Amino acid sequence: MSWLDDIDDDESDFDESSIRVRPNPKANRPRTKRRPAHADAQIARVLGVDRGRYTVLVDEDGPTEHTVSATRARELRKQPIVTGDRARVVGDVTGDEGTLGRIVGIEERTSLLRRSADDTDQVERVIVANADQMLVVVAAADPEPRPRLVDRYLIAALDAGIRPLLVVTKTDLADPAAFLGHFEGLDDLEVFTSGHGDMPVERIGERLVGHSTVFVGHSGVGKSTLVNALVPDAARATGHVNEVTGRGRHTSSSTVSLRYVGSDGKGWVIDTPGVRSFGLGHVDPANILKAFTDLAAIAEECPRGCTHLPDAPDCAIVEAVTEGRLGERGAARLDSLQRLLATFA
């Protein structure tokens, strides 16, 4: 007989009713990857970013248009939100003082202007979203124009599918003809010149209507002065050029969208801080050739892997220019293409 058989049927079960277990707040609900649909979210334009706070424009061009301060949702912490984005905003979107909305999503972008720290850096820095034009501002003198930097701006614009425009300021100090000769071959590159007392505000303004135009340029070239002339209430800080180094002082510290209002309509001016370098580590060289439509068609006859540079063997474009098949401007167009490709290389 075993002690196991010695069971007291009258022994009551253990009473655990008095035991209290602290609930685990993380286990109250099963984890899920489903996120709220936010069907009530409003679409707003991101006007600027400042230390984790986003200024957005709700009901753009509508009867209740107003700005709202917003933060980003946790699930968007790894996604860059930049000026020009079309954001989905929920929460308090009244815009009243002390209120804060929340960005829960970004609409599909039509374009994305990017740069890298240098040409070997594959990590891209997003500058602006949804721009369809780039206005490159360069001075004829003080500081001296930098064709290679302008080349880089143009490459970034062409890679992003953005139409480039060029403004040369301070033409009263120097003749920009030699500088502009470098860009004669580019398709549809409209050029404006500006001097002391002769700023083409109306002509440039006509090109801004109906467009979102990002302004870029080296520090000290007069970009902020031009922005203030186009948008009188912009109040963008202006600086001067150091007489010793010849370099301009950074005056714009952030990227911001400003509304242009002209006699023919409205547009958006996106002012960016001045930069002294513009890395192209993210650019696809094939997009550069696309800007030269006639040369791109001839390039289909080139050998595989052709660089289209002067030393490229059997380059169909070089042969076409040498034989005079591209007319008087053929050489200038090829030179512009090769400058851009060489800069990227």
Protein backbone atom coordinates (compact mmCIF):
# COMPACT_ATOMS: atom_id res chain seq x y z
CA MET A 1 0.00 0.00 0.00
CA SER A 2 1.40 3.39 -1.00
CA TRP A 3 1.20 6.68 0.78
CA LEU A 4 -0.28 8.00 -2.48
CA ASP A 5 -3.44 6.13 -1.65
CA ASP A 6 -3.71 7.95 1.66
CA ILE A 7 -5.80 10.91 0.42
CA ASP A 8 -8.00 12.91 2.67
CA ASP A 9 -11.15 13.53 0.64
CA ASP A 10 -12.24 16.12 3.16
CA GLU A 11 -9.18 18.35 2.46
CA SER A 12 -10.32 21.51 0.71
CA ASP A 13 -8.63 22.87 -2.45
CA PHE A 14 -6.12 25.69 -2.10
CA ASP A 15 -7.92 29.05 -2.00
CA GLU A 16 -6.13 31.57 -4.28
CA SER A 17 -8.91 34.15 -4.47
CA SER A 18 -7.00 36.62 -2.32
CA ILE A 19 -3.96 36.71 -4.58
CA ARG A 20 -3.60 39.97 -6.55
CA VAL A 21 -1.63 40.07 -9.79
CA ARG A 22 -0.45 43.40 -11.17
CA PRO A 23 -1.52 43.64 -14.83
CA ASN A 24 1.13 44.07 -17.53
CA PRO A 25 0.15 47.19 -19.50
CA LYS A 26 1.97 45.87 -22.58
CA ALA A 27 -0.01 42.65 -22.52
CA ASN A 28 -3.48 44.02 -22.04
CA ARG A 29 -4.11 43.89 -25.78
CA PRO A 30 -2.61 41.61 -28.40
CA ARG A 31 0.01 43.35 -30.51
CA THR A 32 -1.01 44.28 -34.02
CA LYS A 33 0.59 45.97 -37.01
CA ARG A 34 -2.68 47.49 -38.08
CA ARG A 35 -2.74 51.27 -37.90
CA PRO A 36 -5.75 53.59 -37.78
CA ALA A 37 -6.99 54.56 -41.23
CA HIS A 38 -7.33 58.23 -40.24
CA ALA A 39 -10.14 58.74 -42.71
CA ASP A 40 -10.69 62.20 -41.25
CA ALA A 41 -7.12 63.37 -41.96
CA GLN A 42 -6.75 66.66 -43.79
CA ILE A 43 -4.19 67.21 -46.55
CA ALA A 44 -1.81 70.07 -45.76
CA ARG A 45 1.29 71.56 -47.38
CA VAL A 46 4.46 71.49 -45.26
CA LEU A 47 5.77 75.08 -45.23
CA GLY A 48 8.73 74.66 -42.90
CA VAL A 49 10.44 72.53 -40.27
CA ASP A 50 11.85 73.84 -37.02
CA ARG A 51 13.26 71.57 -34.28
CA GLY A 52 10.75 68.78 -34.68
CA ARG A 53 7.75 71.04 -35.30
CA TYR A 54 6.18 71.35 -38.73
CA THR A 55 4.28 74.38 -39.99
CA VAL A 56 1.62 73.15 -42.40
CA LEU A 57 -1.01 74.92 -44.49
CA VAL A 58 -4.50 73.45 -44.20
CA ASP A 59 -7.24 74.01 -46.82
CA GLU A 60 -4.81 75.56 -49.30
CA ASP A 61 -6.56 78.18 -51.48
CA GLY A 62 -9.82 77.33 -49.71
CA PRO A 63 -12.13 79.58 -47.66
CA THR A 64 -10.65 78.40 -44.34
CA GLU A 65 -6.98 78.37 -45.31
CA HIS A 66 -4.77 78.63 -42.21
CA THR A 67 -1.49 77.37 -40.77
CA VAL A 68 -1.18 74.69 -38.13
CA SER A 69 1.74 73.58 -35.98
CA ALA A 70 2.16 69.81 -36.04
CA THR A 71 4.40 67.01 -34.92
CA ARG A 72 5.03 63.68 -36.61
CA ALA A 73 3.44 60.38 -35.61
CA ARG A 74 5.72 57.77 -34.04
CA GLU A 75 5.45 55.44 -37.03
CA LEU A 76 6.94 58.17 -39.27
CA ARG A 77 10.07 58.70 -37.17
CA LYS A 78 12.31 57.13 -39.83
CA GLN A 79 10.70 58.89 -42.79
CA PRO A 80 11.98 62.35 -43.72
CA ILE A 81 9.29 65.03 -43.85
CA VAL A 82 10.48 68.09 -45.77
CA THR A 83 9.25 71.40 -47.06
CA GLY A 84 6.88 70.91 -49.97
CA ASP A 85 5.49 67.59 -48.75
CA ARG A 86 1.76 66.99 -48.84
CA ALA A 87 1.03 65.68 -45.35
CA ARG A 88 -2.00 63.96 -43.84
CA VAL A 89 -2.77 65.74 -40.57
CA VAL A 90 -5.10 64.74 -37.73
CA GLY A 91 -5.76 66.03 -34.22
CA ASP A 92 -6.33 69.68 -33.47
CA VAL A 93 -6.05 71.44 -36.83
CA THR A 94 -7.75 74.66 -35.80
CA GLY A 95 -4.45 76.49 -35.72
CA ASP A 96 -5.33 78.14 -32.42
CA GLU A 97 -2.47 79.19 -30.15
CA GLY A 98 -1.17 76.30 -28.10
CA THR A 99 -2.74 73.59 -30.29
CA LEU A 100 -0.79 70.85 -32.04
CA GLY A 101 -1.76 68.60 -34.94
CA ARG A 102 -0.13 65.31 -35.84
CA ILE A 103 1.23 64.21 -39.22
CA VAL A 104 0.23 60.60 -39.80
CA GLY A 105 1.19 60.14 -43.45
CA ILE A 106 2.83 61.67 -46.53
CA GLU A 107 1.14 61.73 -49.93
CA GLU A 108 3.02 60.35 -52.94
CA ARG A 109 5.68 62.79 -54.08
CA THR A 110 5.92 64.05 -57.65
CA SER A 111 9.60 64.98 -57.31
CA LEU A 112 12.36 64.89 -54.74
CA LEU A 113 15.39 67.17 -54.79
CA ARG A 114 18.31 65.56 -52.97
CA ARG A 115 22.01 66.01 -52.35
CA SER A 116 24.73 64.04 -50.60
CA ALA A 117 27.60 65.20 -48.42
CA ASP A 118 30.05 64.35 -51.22
CA ASP A 119 30.14 62.36 -54.45
CA THR A 120 31.10 59.13 -52.69
CA ASP A 121 28.40 59.35 -50.03
CA GLN A 122 25.35 57.25 -50.90
CA VAL A 123 23.37 58.69 -47.98
CA GLU A 124 21.06 61.27 -49.48
CA ARG A 125 19.87 64.49 -47.85
CA VAL A 126 16.37 65.40 -48.94
CA ILE A 127 16.07 69.15 -49.61
CA VAL A 128 12.54 69.67 -50.88
CA ALA A 129 9.62 67.63 -52.21
CA ASN A 130 7.13 68.24 -55.03
CA ALA A 131 9.01 71.14 -56.64
CA ASP A 132 8.71 71.35 -60.42
CA GLN A 133 11.22 74.16 -61.01
CA MET A 134 14.67 75.08 -59.70
CA LEU A 135 15.90 78.66 -59.87
CA VAL A 136 19.71 78.69 -59.66
CA VAL A 137 21.03 82.07 -58.47
CA VAL A 138 24.66 82.92 -59.24
CA ALA A 139 26.57 86.23 -59.12
CA ALA A 140 28.60 87.55 -62.04
CA ALA A 141 31.14 88.77 -59.46
CA ASP A 142 31.61 89.20 -55.71
CA PRO A 143 31.71 86.22 -55.24
CA GLU A 144 33.06 84.94 -58.53
CA PRO A 145 30.74 82.52 -60.35
CA ARG A 146 31.47 78.82 -59.92
CA PRO A 147 30.46 76.97 -63.10
CA ARG A 148 31.10 73.56 -61.53
CA LEU A 149 28.71 74.27 -58.66
CA VAL A 150 26.06 75.42 -61.14
CA ASP A 151 26.69 72.21 -63.09
CA ARG A 152 25.92 70.24 -59.95
CA TYR A 153 22.68 72.12 -59.35
CA LEU A 154 21.63 71.43 -62.92
CA ILE A 155 22.49 67.74 -62.64
CA ALA A 156 20.44 67.40 -59.45
CA ALA A 157 17.50 69.17 -61.13
CA LEU A 158 17.67 67.03 -64.25
CA ASP A 159 17.95 63.86 -62.17
CA ALA A 160 14.83 64.85 -60.20
CA GLY A 161 12.85 65.78 -63.31
CA ILE A 162 12.76 69.46 -62.31
CA ARG A 163 12.97 72.26 -64.87
CA PRO A 164 16.03 74.48 -64.22
CA LEU A 165 16.11 78.28 -64.51
CA LEU A 166 19.18 80.49 -64.08
CA VAL A 167 19.50 84.00 -62.64
CA VAL A 168 22.80 85.88 -62.85
CA THR A 169 22.96 88.75 -60.35
CA LYS A 170 25.40 91.67 -60.00
CA THR A 171 25.80 92.04 -63.75
CA ASP A 172 26.68 95.69 -63.12
CA LEU A 173 29.97 94.43 -61.65
CA ALA A 174 31.01 92.08 -64.47
CA ASP A 175 29.91 90.84 -67.88
CA PRO A 176 28.45 87.32 -67.51
CA ALA A 177 28.74 86.45 -71.23
CA ALA A 178 31.75 84.14 -70.85
CA PHE A 179 30.15 82.36 -67.90
CA LEU A 180 26.82 81.89 -69.70
CA GLY A 181 28.62 80.46 -72.71
CA HIS A 182 29.17 77.25 -70.74
CA PHE A 183 25.44 76.50 -70.73
CA GLU A 184 24.40 77.35 -74.29
CA GLY A 185 23.72 73.74 -75.17
CA LEU A 186 21.14 72.97 -72.49
CA ASP A 187 17.54 72.49 -73.58
CA ASP A 188 15.15 75.18 -72.40
CA LEU A 189 17.47 76.74 -69.82
CA GLU A 190 15.93 80.20 -69.47
CA VAL A 191 18.40 82.78 -68.20
CA PHE A 192 17.66 86.04 -66.36
CA THR A 193 20.21 88.76 -65.62
CA SER A 194 19.99 91.18 -62.73
CA GLY A 195 22.02 94.24 -61.77
CA HIS A 196 21.88 97.11 -59.31
CA GLY A 197 18.56 98.89 -59.82
CA ASP A 198 17.58 96.50 -62.61
CA MET A 199 16.11 93.37 -61.03
CA PRO A 200 13.73 91.49 -63.40
CA VAL A 201 11.15 90.81 -60.69
CA GLU A 202 8.14 90.81 -63.03
CA ARG A 203 9.75 88.52 -65.62
CA ILE A 204 10.85 86.02 -62.99
CA GLY A 205 7.47 86.29 -61.26
CA GLU A 206 5.71 85.26 -64.46
CA ARG A 207 7.63 81.99 -64.40
CA LEU A 208 6.65 81.32 -60.78
CA VAL A 209 2.88 81.41 -61.31
CA GLY A 210 1.38 77.95 -61.04
CA HIS A 211 4.69 76.37 -60.04
CA SER A 212 6.58 75.32 -56.94
CA THR A 213 10.08 76.72 -57.45
CA VAL A 214 13.06 75.95 -55.22
CA PHE A 215 15.70 78.69 -55.04
CA VAL A 216 19.31 77.52 -54.67
CA GLY A 217 22.64 79.29 -54.76
CA HIS A 218 26.02 79.90 -53.18
CA SER A 219 26.08 82.14 -50.10
CA GLY A 220 26.37 85.83 -50.92
CA VAL A 221 24.99 85.74 -54.48
CA GLY A 222 21.85 87.74 -53.63
CA LYS A 223 19.34 84.89 -53.38
CA SER A 224 17.66 86.23 -50.24
CA THR A 225 17.52 89.72 -51.76
CA LEU A 226 15.73 88.29 -54.77
CA VAL A 227 13.31 86.33 -52.58
CA ASN A 228 12.47 89.48 -50.60
CA ALA A 229 11.79 91.37 -53.83
CA LEU A 230 9.43 88.66 -55.05
CA VAL A 231 7.74 88.09 -51.68
CA PRO A 232 7.77 91.46 -49.87
CA ASP A 233 6.70 90.04 -46.50
CA ALA A 234 9.27 87.22 -46.58
CA ALA A 235 11.77 89.18 -44.45
CA ARG A 236 14.60 86.79 -45.32
CA ALA A 237 17.90 87.89 -43.81
CA THR A 238 20.52 89.22 -46.23
CA GLY A 239 24.27 89.27 -45.77
CA HIS A 240 27.49 90.36 -47.41
CA VAL A 241 30.61 88.84 -48.93
CA ASN A 242 33.81 88.61 -46.88
CA GLU A 243 36.38 90.85 -48.58
CA VAL A 244 39.26 88.59 -47.53
CA THR A 245 37.93 85.14 -48.38
CA GLY A 246 35.46 86.14 -51.10
CA ARG A 247 32.87 83.91 -49.48
CA GLY A 248 29.34 84.84 -48.61
CA ARG A 249 27.90 84.50 -45.12
CA HIS A 250 25.05 82.05 -44.57
CA THR A 251 21.92 84.09 -43.88
CA SER A 252 19.11 81.59 -44.50
CA SER A 253 19.36 78.78 -41.96
CA SER A 254 16.30 76.76 -42.94
CA THR A 255 14.23 75.78 -45.95
CA VAL A 256 10.86 77.50 -46.07
CA SER A 257 7.95 77.79 -48.53
CA LEU A 258 6.70 81.31 -49.27
CA ARG A 259 3.67 82.18 -51.36
CA TYR A 260 4.29 84.34 -54.41
CA VAL A 261 1.33 86.49 -55.44
CA GLY A 262 1.57 88.13 -58.84
CA SER A 263 -0.79 89.94 -61.14
CA ASP A 264 -1.37 86.75 -63.13
CA GLY A 265 -1.71 84.27 -60.28
CA LYS A 266 0.05 82.56 -57.41
CA GLY A 267 3.01 80.25 -56.97
CA TRP A 268 5.38 78.95 -54.33
CA VAL A 269 8.93 80.13 -53.64
CA ILE A 270 10.99 77.64 -51.64
CA ASP A 271 14.05 79.37 -50.22
CA THR A 272 16.96 77.16 -49.16
CA PRO A 273 20.15 77.90 -47.19
CA GLY A 274 23.20 78.78 -49.27
CA VAL A 275 25.65 75.93 -49.79
CA ARG A 276 29.28 75.73 -50.90
CA SER A 277 29.15 72.09 -52.01
CA PHE A 278 26.57 69.82 -53.56
CA GLY A 279 27.31 66.08 -53.58
CA LEU A 280 25.94 63.90 -56.37
CA GLY A 281 26.43 60.45 -54.89
CA HIS A 282 22.76 59.58 -55.47
CA VAL A 283 22.46 60.68 -59.12
CA ASP A 284 21.80 58.36 -62.06
CA PRO A 285 24.05 59.58 -64.93
CA ALA A 286 21.48 58.38 -67.49
CA ASN A 287 19.17 61.19 -66.38
CA ILE A 288 21.73 63.80 -67.44
CA LEU A 289 21.68 62.68 -71.06
CA LYS A 290 17.86 62.82 -71.10
CA ALA A 291 18.05 66.62 -70.87
CA PHE A 292 19.67 66.67 -74.32
CA THR A 293 16.88 65.03 -76.31
CA ASP A 294 18.57 65.16 -79.72
CA LEU A 295 21.88 63.90 -78.33
CA ALA A 296 20.11 61.13 -76.43
CA ALA A 297 18.63 59.84 -79.69
CA ILE A 298 22.07 59.68 -81.31
CA ALA A 299 23.54 58.07 -78.18
CA GLU A 300 21.50 54.93 -78.94
CA GLU A 301 24.11 54.20 -81.62
CA CYS A 302 27.00 54.44 -79.14
CA PRO A 303 28.86 51.34 -77.92
CA ARG A 304 27.65 49.80 -74.67
CA GLY A 305 29.07 51.69 -71.68
CA CYS A 306 30.04 54.76 -73.70
CA THR A 307 30.87 57.73 -71.45
CA HIS A 308 30.31 60.33 -74.23
CA LEU A 309 33.42 62.14 -73.00
CA PRO A 310 36.07 63.46 -75.44
CA ASP A 311 38.24 60.34 -75.05
CA ALA A 312 35.33 57.90 -75.53
CA PRO A 313 36.10 55.57 -78.49
CA ASP A 314 33.52 55.40 -81.30
CA CYS A 315 31.11 57.78 -79.54
CA ALA A 316 28.26 58.43 -81.97
CA ILE A 317 27.62 61.90 -80.56
CA VAL A 318 31.22 63.00 -80.96
CA GLU A 319 31.24 61.68 -84.54
CA ALA A 320 27.97 63.48 -85.35
CA VAL A 321 29.36 66.80 -84.10
CA THR A 322 32.66 66.31 -85.93
CA GLU A 323 30.81 65.62 -89.17
CA GLY A 324 28.63 68.71 -88.69
CA ARG A 325 25.36 66.78 -88.55
CA LEU A 326 24.14 68.70 -85.48
CA GLY A 327 24.48 72.19 -86.98
CA GLU A 328 26.17 75.24 -85.53
CA ARG A 329 25.03 74.62 -81.94
CA GLY A 330 26.02 70.97 -81.98
CA ALA A 331 29.50 71.60 -80.56
CA ALA A 332 28.12 73.81 -77.79
CA ARG A 333 25.52 71.21 -76.85
CA LEU A 334 28.10 68.44 -76.73
CA ASP A 335 30.43 70.61 -74.66
CA SER A 336 27.65 71.27 -72.12
CA LEU A 337 26.81 67.57 -71.91
CA GLN A 338 30.46 66.60 -71.45
CA ARG A 339 30.93 69.25 -68.74
CA LEU A 340 28.02 67.83 -66.78
CA LEU A 341 29.13 64.23 -67.24
CA ALA A 342 32.72 65.10 -66.31
CA THR A 343 31.51 66.89 -63.18
CA PHE A 344 29.52 63.87 -62.14
CA ALA A 345 32.40 61.49 -62.93
